[in-house]
C-alpha atoms as a PDB file:
ATOM      1  CA  UNK A   1      73.660-127.890 125.992  1.00  0.00           C
ATOM      2  CA  UNK A   2      71.634-126.238 123.376  1.00  0.00           C
ATOM      3  CA  UNK A   3      69.607-129.263 122.783  1.00  0.00           C
ATOM      4  CA  UNK A   4      68.105-129.404 126.397  1.00  0.00           C
ATOM      5  CA  UNK A   5      64.534-128.446 126.575  1.00  0.00           C
ATOM      6  CA  UNK A   6      63.473-129.926 129.704  1.00  0.00           C
ATOM      7  CA  UNK A   7      64.845-129.798 133.202  1.00  0.00           C
ATOM      8  CA  UNK A   8      63.530-132.600 135.695  1.00  0.00           C
ATOM      9  CA  UNK A   9      63.991-131.782 139.339  1.00  0.00           C
ATOM     10  CA  UNK A  10      63.849-134.090 142.349  1.00  0.00           C
ATOM     11  CA  UNK A  11      62.003-132.286 145.185  1.00  0.00           C
ATOM     12  CA  UNK A  12      63.355-133.293 148.727  1.00  0.00           C
ATOM     13  CA  UNK A  13      66.850-131.952 149.175  1.00  0.00           C
ATOM     14  CA  UNK A  14      66.956-130.471 145.718  1.00  0.00           C
ATOM     15  CA  UNK A  15      64.216-127.812 145.709  1.00  0.00           C
ATOM     16  CA  UNK A  16      63.125-128.157 149.354  1.00  0.00           C
ATOM     17  CA  UNK A  17      65.254-128.272 152.441  1.00  0.00           C
ATOM     18  CA  UNK A  18      63.378-131.220 153.785  1.00  0.00           C
ATOM     19  CA  UNK A  19      66.211-133.831 154.621  1.00  0.00           C
ATOM     20  CA  UNK A  20      66.229-132.996 158.364  1.00  0.00           C
ATOM     21  CA  UNK A  21      62.523-133.501 158.489  1.00  0.00           C
ATOM     22  CA  UNK A  22      62.420-136.807 156.716  1.00  0.00           C
ATOM     23  CA  UNK A  23      65.178-138.156 158.952  1.00  0.00           C
ATOM     24  CA  UNK A  24      63.509-137.045 162.180  1.00  0.00           C
ATOM     25  CA  UNK A  25      59.992-138.197 160.932  1.00  0.00           C
ATOM     26  CA  UNK A  26      61.441-141.719 160.254  1.00  0.00           C
ATOM     27  CA  UNK A  27      63.106-142.034 163.484  1.00  0.00           C
ATOM     28  CA  UNK A  28      60.097-140.805 165.388  1.00  0.00           C
ATOM     29  CA  UNK A  29      57.928-143.293 163.468  1.00  0.00           C
ATOM     30  CA  UNK A  30      60.174-146.118 164.346  1.00  0.00           C
ATOM     31  CA  UNK A  31      59.792-145.070 168.041  1.00  0.00           C
ATOM     32  CA  UNK A  32      55.956-145.008 167.627  1.00  0.00           C
ATOM     33  CA  UNK A  33      56.050-148.548 166.257  1.00  0.00           C
ATOM     34  CA  UNK A  34      58.589-149.846 168.692  1.00  0.00           C
ATOM     35  CA  UNK A  35      61.160-150.724 165.907  1.00  0.00           C
ATOM     36  CA  UNK A  36      64.955-150.097 166.046  1.00  0.00           C
ATOM     37  CA  UNK A  37      65.614-146.438 165.413  1.00  0.00           C
ATOM     38  CA  UNK A  38      67.727-145.838 162.274  1.00  0.00           C
ATOM     39  CA  UNK A  39      70.827-143.606 162.620  1.00  0.00           C
ATOM     40  CA  UNK A  40      70.942-140.381 160.750  1.00  0.00           C
ATOM     41  CA  UNK A  41      72.992-141.792 158.058  1.00  0.00           C
ATOM     42  CA  UNK A  42      70.778-144.834 157.669  1.00  0.00           C
ATOM     43  CA  UNK A  43      67.785-142.651 157.243  1.00  0.00           C
ATOM     44  CA  UNK A  44      69.415-140.261 154.764  1.00  0.00           C
ATOM     45  CA  UNK A  45      70.432-143.330 152.742  1.00  0.00           C
ATOM     46  CA  UNK A  46      66.841-144.090 151.645  1.00  0.00           C
ATOM     47  CA  UNK A  47      65.860-140.559 150.675  1.00  0.00           C
ATOM     48  CA  UNK A  48      64.678-140.506 147.123  1.00  0.00           C
ATOM     49  CA  UNK A  49      63.216-144.047 147.186  1.00  0.00           C
ATOM     50  CA  UNK A  50      59.483-144.683 147.420  1.00  0.00           C
ATOM     51  CA  UNK A  51      58.313-145.196 150.938  1.00  0.00           C
ATOM     52  CA  UNK A  52      57.677-149.045 150.685  1.00  0.00           C
ATOM     53  CA  UNK A  53      61.125-149.562 149.242  1.00  0.00           C
ATOM     54  CA  UNK A  54      62.679-147.331 151.770  1.00  0.00           C
ATOM     55  CA  UNK A  55      61.116-149.210 154.611  1.00  0.00           C
ATOM     56  CA  UNK A  56      62.140-152.491 153.114  1.00  0.00           C
ATOM     57  CA  UNK A  57      65.828-151.204 153.129  1.00  0.00           C
ATOM     58  CA  UNK A  58      65.706-149.838 156.625  1.00  0.00           C
ATOM     59  CA  UNK A  59      63.706-152.649 158.309  1.00  0.00           C
ATOM     60  CA  UNK A  60      64.451-155.899 156.323  1.00  0.00           C
ATOM     61  CA  UNK A  61      61.898-158.625 157.263  1.00  0.00           C
ATOM     62  CA  UNK A  62      59.465-156.248 158.737  1.00  0.00           C
ATOM     63  CA  UNK A  63      56.018-157.869 159.202  1.00  0.00           C
ATOM     64  CA  UNK A  64      52.980-156.731 157.232  1.00  0.00           C
ATOM     65  CA  UNK A  65      51.505-155.418 160.304  1.00  0.00           C
ATOM     66  CA  UNK A  66      54.405-153.380 161.279  1.00  0.00           C
ATOM     67  CA  UNK A  67      54.950-152.151 157.814  1.00  0.00           C
ATOM     68  CA  UNK A  68      51.435-150.557 157.742  1.00  0.00           C
ATOM     69  CA  UNK A  69      51.706-149.174 161.099  1.00  0.00           C
ATOM     70  CA  UNK A  70      55.126-147.575 160.153  1.00  0.00           C
ATOM     71  CA  UNK A  71      53.799-145.980 156.864  1.00  0.00           C
ATOM     72  CA  UNK A  72      50.913-144.511 158.781  1.00  0.00           C
ATOM     73  CA  UNK A  73      53.257-143.288 161.660  1.00  0.00           C
ATOM     74  CA  UNK A  74      55.722-141.714 159.121  1.00  0.00           C
ATOM     75  CA  UNK A  75      53.000-139.953 157.124  1.00  0.00           C
ATOM     76  CA  UNK A  76      51.510-138.591 160.400  1.00  0.00           C
ATOM     77  CA  UNK A  77      54.936-137.490 161.728  1.00  0.00           C
ATOM     78  CA  UNK A  78      55.999-135.925 158.510  1.00  0.00           C
ATOM     79  CA  UNK A  79      52.654-133.874 157.719  1.00  0.00           C
ATOM     80  CA  UNK A  80      51.395-133.242 161.244  1.00  0.00           C
ATOM     81  CA  UNK A  81      53.683-134.005 164.082  1.00  0.00           C
ATOM     82  CA  UNK A  82      57.133-133.271 163.258  1.00  0.00           C
ATOM     83  CA  UNK A  83      58.104-129.472 163.617  1.00  0.00           C
ATOM     84  CA  UNK A  84      61.538-129.618 161.880  1.00  0.00           C
ATOM     85  CA  UNK A  85      61.322-126.728 159.360  1.00  0.00           C
ATOM     86  CA  UNK A  86      61.319-127.805 155.813  1.00  0.00           C
ATOM     87  CA  UNK A  87      61.448-124.435 153.646  1.00  0.00           C
ATOM     88  CA  UNK A  88      62.222-124.114 149.979  1.00  0.00           C
ATOM     89  CA  UNK A  89      65.855-123.376 149.421  1.00  0.00           C
ATOM     90  CA  UNK A  90      66.348-119.599 149.169  1.00  0.00           C
ATOM     91  CA  UNK A  91      66.926-119.496 145.496  1.00  0.00           C
ATOM     92  CA  UNK A  92      64.492-122.246 144.385  1.00  0.00           C
ATOM     93  CA  UNK A  93      61.603-120.025 143.033  1.00  0.00           C
ATOM     94  CA  UNK A  94      63.972-117.486 141.361  1.00  0.00           C
ATOM     95  CA  UNK A  95      65.897-120.214 139.540  1.00  0.00           C
ATOM     96  CA  UNK A  96      62.575-121.890 138.446  1.00  0.00           C
ATOM     97  CA  UNK A  97      61.302-118.601 137.249  1.00  0.00           C
ATOM     98  CA  UNK A  98      64.475-117.856 135.189  1.00  0.00           C
ATOM     99  CA  UNK A  99      64.313-121.130 133.391  1.00  0.00           C
ATOM    100  CA  UNK A 100      60.466-120.764 132.731  1.00  0.00           C
ATOM    101  CA  UNK A 101      61.022-117.390 131.324  1.00  0.00           C
ATOM    102  CA  UNK A 102      63.750-118.677 129.207  1.00  0.00           C
ATOM    103  CA  UNK A 103      61.460-121.185 127.683  1.00  0.00           C
ATOM    104  CA  UNK A 104      62.521-124.377 129.430  1.00  0.00           C
ATOM    105  CA  UNK A 105      59.986-127.059 130.320  1.00  0.00           C
ATOM    106  CA  UNK A 106      60.153-128.051 133.920  1.00  0.00           C
ATOM    107  CA  UNK A 107      59.077-131.232 135.599  1.00  0.00           C
ATOM    108  CA  UNK A 108      59.408-133.113 139.060  1.00  0.00           C
ATOM    109  CA  UNK A 109      60.334-136.679 139.631  1.00  0.00           C
ATOM    110  CA  UNK A 110      60.016-137.483 143.229  1.00  0.00           C
ATOM    111  CA  UNK A 111      60.127-140.255 145.914  1.00  0.00           C
ATOM    112  CA  UNK A 112      56.983-138.584 147.348  1.00  0.00           C
ATOM    113  CA  UNK A 113      53.563-139.944 146.810  1.00  0.00           C
ATOM    114  CA  UNK A 114      51.208-137.851 144.646  1.00  0.00           C
ATOM    115  CA  UNK A 115      49.265-136.526 147.595  1.00  0.00           C
ATOM    116  CA  UNK A 116      52.589-135.393 149.332  1.00  0.00           C
ATOM    117  CA  UNK A 117      53.865-133.662 146.195  1.00  0.00           C
ATOM    118  CA  UNK A 118      50.471-132.014 145.542  1.00  0.00           C
ATOM    119  CA  UNK A 119      50.564-130.730 149.144  1.00  0.00           C
ATOM    120  CA  UNK A 120      53.912-129.201 149.143  1.00  0.00           C
ATOM    121  CA  UNK A 121      53.411-127.672 145.608  1.00  0.00           C
ATOM    122  CA  UNK A 122      50.222-126.120 146.828  1.00  0.00           C
ATOM    123  CA  UNK A 123      51.768-124.765 149.984  1.00  0.00           C
ATOM    124  CA  UNK A 124      54.893-123.548 148.334  1.00  0.00           C
ATOM    125  CA  UNK A 125      52.775-122.017 145.351  1.00  0.00           C
ATOM    126  CA  UNK A 126      55.071-123.422 142.775  1.00  0.00           C
ATOM    127  CA  UNK A 127      52.545-125.588 140.883  1.00  0.00           C
ATOM    128  CA  UNK A 128      52.543-123.146 137.929  1.00  0.00           C
ATOM    129  CA  UNK A 129      56.109-123.483 137.196  1.00  0.00           C
ATOM    130  CA  UNK A 130      55.957-127.279 136.275  1.00  0.00           C
ATOM    131  CA  UNK A 131      54.780-128.826 132.961  1.00  0.00           C
ATOM    132  CA  UNK A 132      54.678-132.362 134.335  1.00  0.00           C
ATOM    133  CA  UNK A 133      55.393-134.387 137.451  1.00  0.00           C
ATOM    134  CA  UNK A 134      55.675-138.053 138.415  1.00  0.00           C
ATOM    135  CA  UNK A 135      55.567-139.514 141.930  1.00  0.00           C
ATOM    136  CA  UNK A 136      56.762-142.609 143.618  1.00  0.00           C
ATOM    137  CA  UNK A 137      53.186-144.252 143.785  1.00  0.00           C
ATOM    138  CA  UNK A 138      52.808-143.727 140.061  1.00  0.00           C
ATOM    139  CA  UNK A 139      56.011-145.613 138.929  1.00  0.00           C
ATOM    140  CA  UNK A 140      58.736-147.952 139.962  1.00  0.00           C
ATOM    141  CA  UNK A 141      60.900-146.504 142.651  1.00  0.00           C
ATOM    142  CA  UNK A 142      64.156-144.763 141.970  1.00  0.00           C
ATOM    143  CA  UNK A 143      66.820-145.765 141.036  1.00  0.00           C
ATOM    144  CA  UNK A 144      64.970-147.783 138.315  1.00  0.00           C
ATOM    145  CA  UNK A 145      64.643-145.574 135.126  1.00  0.00           C
ATOM    146  CA  UNK A 146      60.851-145.840 134.887  1.00  0.00           C
ATOM    147  CA  UNK A 147      60.039-142.208 136.159  1.00  0.00           C
ATOM    148  CA  UNK A 148      62.215-140.687 133.450  1.00  0.00           C
ATOM    149  CA  UNK A 149      61.154-143.104 130.810  1.00  0.00           C
ATOM    150  CA  UNK A 150      57.552-142.352 131.488  1.00  0.00           C
ATOM    151  CA  UNK A 151      58.094-138.416 131.559  1.00  0.00           C
ATOM    152  CA  UNK A 152      59.999-138.772 128.351  1.00  0.00           C
ATOM    153  CA  UNK A 153      57.351-140.883 126.493  1.00  0.00           C
ATOM    154  CA  UNK A 154      54.453-138.812 127.495  1.00  0.00           C
ATOM    155  CA  UNK A 155      56.047-135.476 126.542  1.00  0.00           C
ATOM    156  CA  UNK A 156      57.841-136.891 123.395  1.00  0.00           C
ATOM    157  CA  UNK A 157      61.222-136.006 124.845  1.00  0.00           C
ATOM    158  CA  UNK A 158      64.455-137.503 123.584  1.00  0.00           C
ATOM    159  CA  UNK A 159      66.717-138.461 126.465  1.00  0.00           C
ATOM    160  CA  UNK A 160      69.391-136.060 125.244  1.00  0.00           C
ATOM    161  CA  UNK A 161      66.715-133.207 125.525  1.00  0.00           C
ATOM    162  CA  UNK A 162      66.516-133.477 129.295  1.00  0.00           C
ATOM    163  CA  UNK A 163      68.705-133.279 132.393  1.00  0.00           C
ATOM    164  CA  UNK A 164      67.789-134.615 135.794  1.00  0.00           C
ATOM    165  CA  UNK A 165      68.789-132.541 138.854  1.00  0.00           C
ATOM    166  CA  UNK A 166      68.988-134.260 142.106  1.00  0.00           C
ATOM    167  CA  UNK A 167      70.685-134.510 145.536  1.00  0.00           C
ATOM    168  CA  UNK A 168      70.928-138.269 146.076  1.00  0.00           C
ATOM    169  CA  UNK A 169      72.740-141.146 144.587  1.00  0.00           C
ATOM    170  CA  UNK A 170      69.257-142.722 143.768  1.00  0.00           C
ATOM    171  CA  UNK A 171      68.388-139.658 141.582  1.00  0.00           C
ATOM    172  CA  UNK A 172      71.596-139.839 139.650  1.00  0.00           C
ATOM    173  CA  UNK A 173      71.719-143.509 139.316  1.00  0.00           C
ATOM    174  CA  UNK A 174      68.029-143.370 137.927  1.00  0.00           C
ATOM    175  CA  UNK A 175      69.340-140.913 135.334  1.00  0.00           C
ATOM    176  CA  UNK A 176      72.266-143.091 134.492  1.00  0.00           C
ATOM    177  CA  UNK A 177      69.803-146.063 134.093  1.00  0.00           C
ATOM    178  CA  UNK A 178      67.663-144.050 131.744  1.00  0.00           C
ATOM    179  CA  UNK A 179      70.639-142.773 129.662  1.00  0.00           C
ATOM    180  CA  UNK A 180      69.792-139.197 130.752  1.00  0.00           C
ATOM    181  CA  UNK A 181      72.371-136.610 131.770  1.00  0.00           C
ATOM    182  CA  UNK A 182      72.340-135.449 135.305  1.00  0.00           C
ATOM    183  CA  UNK A 183      73.462-132.688 137.679  1.00  0.00           C
ATOM    184  CA  UNK A 184      74.109-133.317 141.207  1.00  0.00           C
ATOM    185  CA  UNK A 185      73.296-130.891 143.985  1.00  0.00           C
ATOM    186  CA  UNK A 186      75.033-131.042 147.453  1.00  0.00           C
ATOM    187  CA  UNK A 187      72.343-129.423 149.609  1.00  0.00           C
ATOM    188  CA  UNK A 188      70.733-132.614 150.335  1.00  0.00           C
ATOM    189  CA  UNK A 189      71.226-136.385 151.018  1.00  0.00           C
ATOM    190  CA  UNK A 190      74.560-137.152 149.538  1.00  0.00           C
ATOM    191  CA  UNK A 191      77.995-135.518 149.280  1.00  0.00           C
ATOM    192  CA  UNK A 192      79.749-134.490 146.146  1.00  0.00           C
ATOM    193  CA  UNK A 193      82.059-137.471 146.325  1.00  0.00           C
ATOM    194  CA  UNK A 194      79.037-139.815 146.715  1.00  0.00           C
ATOM    195  CA  UNK A 195      77.344-138.121 143.743  1.00  0.00           C
ATOM    196  CA  UNK A 196      80.513-138.286 141.558  1.00  0.00           C
ATOM    197  CA  UNK A 197      80.126-142.031 141.300  1.00  0.00           C
ATOM    198  CA  UNK A 198      77.202-141.730 138.917  1.00  0.00           C
ATOM    199  CA  UNK A 199      79.049-139.332 136.510  1.00  0.00           C
ATOM    200  CA  UNK A 200      76.844-136.168 136.570  1.00  0.00           C
ATOM    201  CA  UNK A 201      77.975-133.525 134.151  1.00  0.00           C
ATOM    202  CA  UNK A 202      78.245-131.075 137.073  1.00  0.00           C
ATOM    203  CA  UNK A 203      77.944-130.944 140.784  1.00  0.00           C
ATOM    204  CA  UNK A 204      76.637-127.803 142.214  1.00  0.00           C
ATOM    205  CA  UNK A 205      76.390-126.357 145.779  1.00  0.00           C
ATOM    206  CA  UNK A 206      73.537-124.020 145.067  1.00  0.00           C
ATOM    207  CA  UNK A 207      70.746-123.810 142.610  1.00  0.00           C
ATOM    208  CA  UNK A 208      71.801-120.579 141.115  1.00  0.00           C
ATOM    209  CA  UNK A 209      74.795-122.260 139.801  1.00  0.00           C
ATOM    210  CA  UNK A 210      72.452-123.869 137.272  1.00  0.00           C
ATOM    211  CA  UNK A 211      71.987-120.341 135.664  1.00  0.00           C
ATOM    212  CA  UNK A 212      75.667-120.095 135.117  1.00  0.00           C
ATOM    213  CA  UNK A 213      75.739-123.631 133.671  1.00  0.00           C
ATOM    214  CA  UNK A 214      73.104-122.671 131.244  1.00  0.00           C
ATOM    215  CA  UNK A 215      74.453-119.094 130.594  1.00  0.00           C
ATOM    216  CA  UNK A 216      71.164-117.431 131.793  1.00  0.00           C
END
């Protein structure tokens, strides 16, 4: 993998242990708006998508009014009301620092909106590790390839010079659609068997395994 110069990370479930908070926040938001409460599995199935696409998948045929109410309720739950912890994974900063020190360029491609990513980058003090980022409100939602295509174009990256690292089938399908290699991580939304469907070059159970893969 000597030609790889960029590592593009998903955020939720890849760098931050936030899956449980996303699930609980979506379920609480559904209660707030008096909509059917999605199961844990249903709520996990949309992680990685942009919020509008996620809502369309969870609540097909939702009215415009309820859509707006649910968006607002979810954001309020996730940012303010829900107390489910969402820390970085223990080895996140160490792994980012090792790759940065080795000369790699790092980026984020996330289903979060820009305001949400900027908030967690600031609170986690990780902003300085990343050379670029793209969010769900700046592009077509995963699993479309647009996020990766945009990052590649504006940074003059060939697809074989980057690897996408993510925890969900939407992440890996996005990479497949962009003709970019991927690495799956099992700490988040999907299992190893589910991730295998999208032919990642590796599936890892912790971020430090990336250092072994890249011989760092």
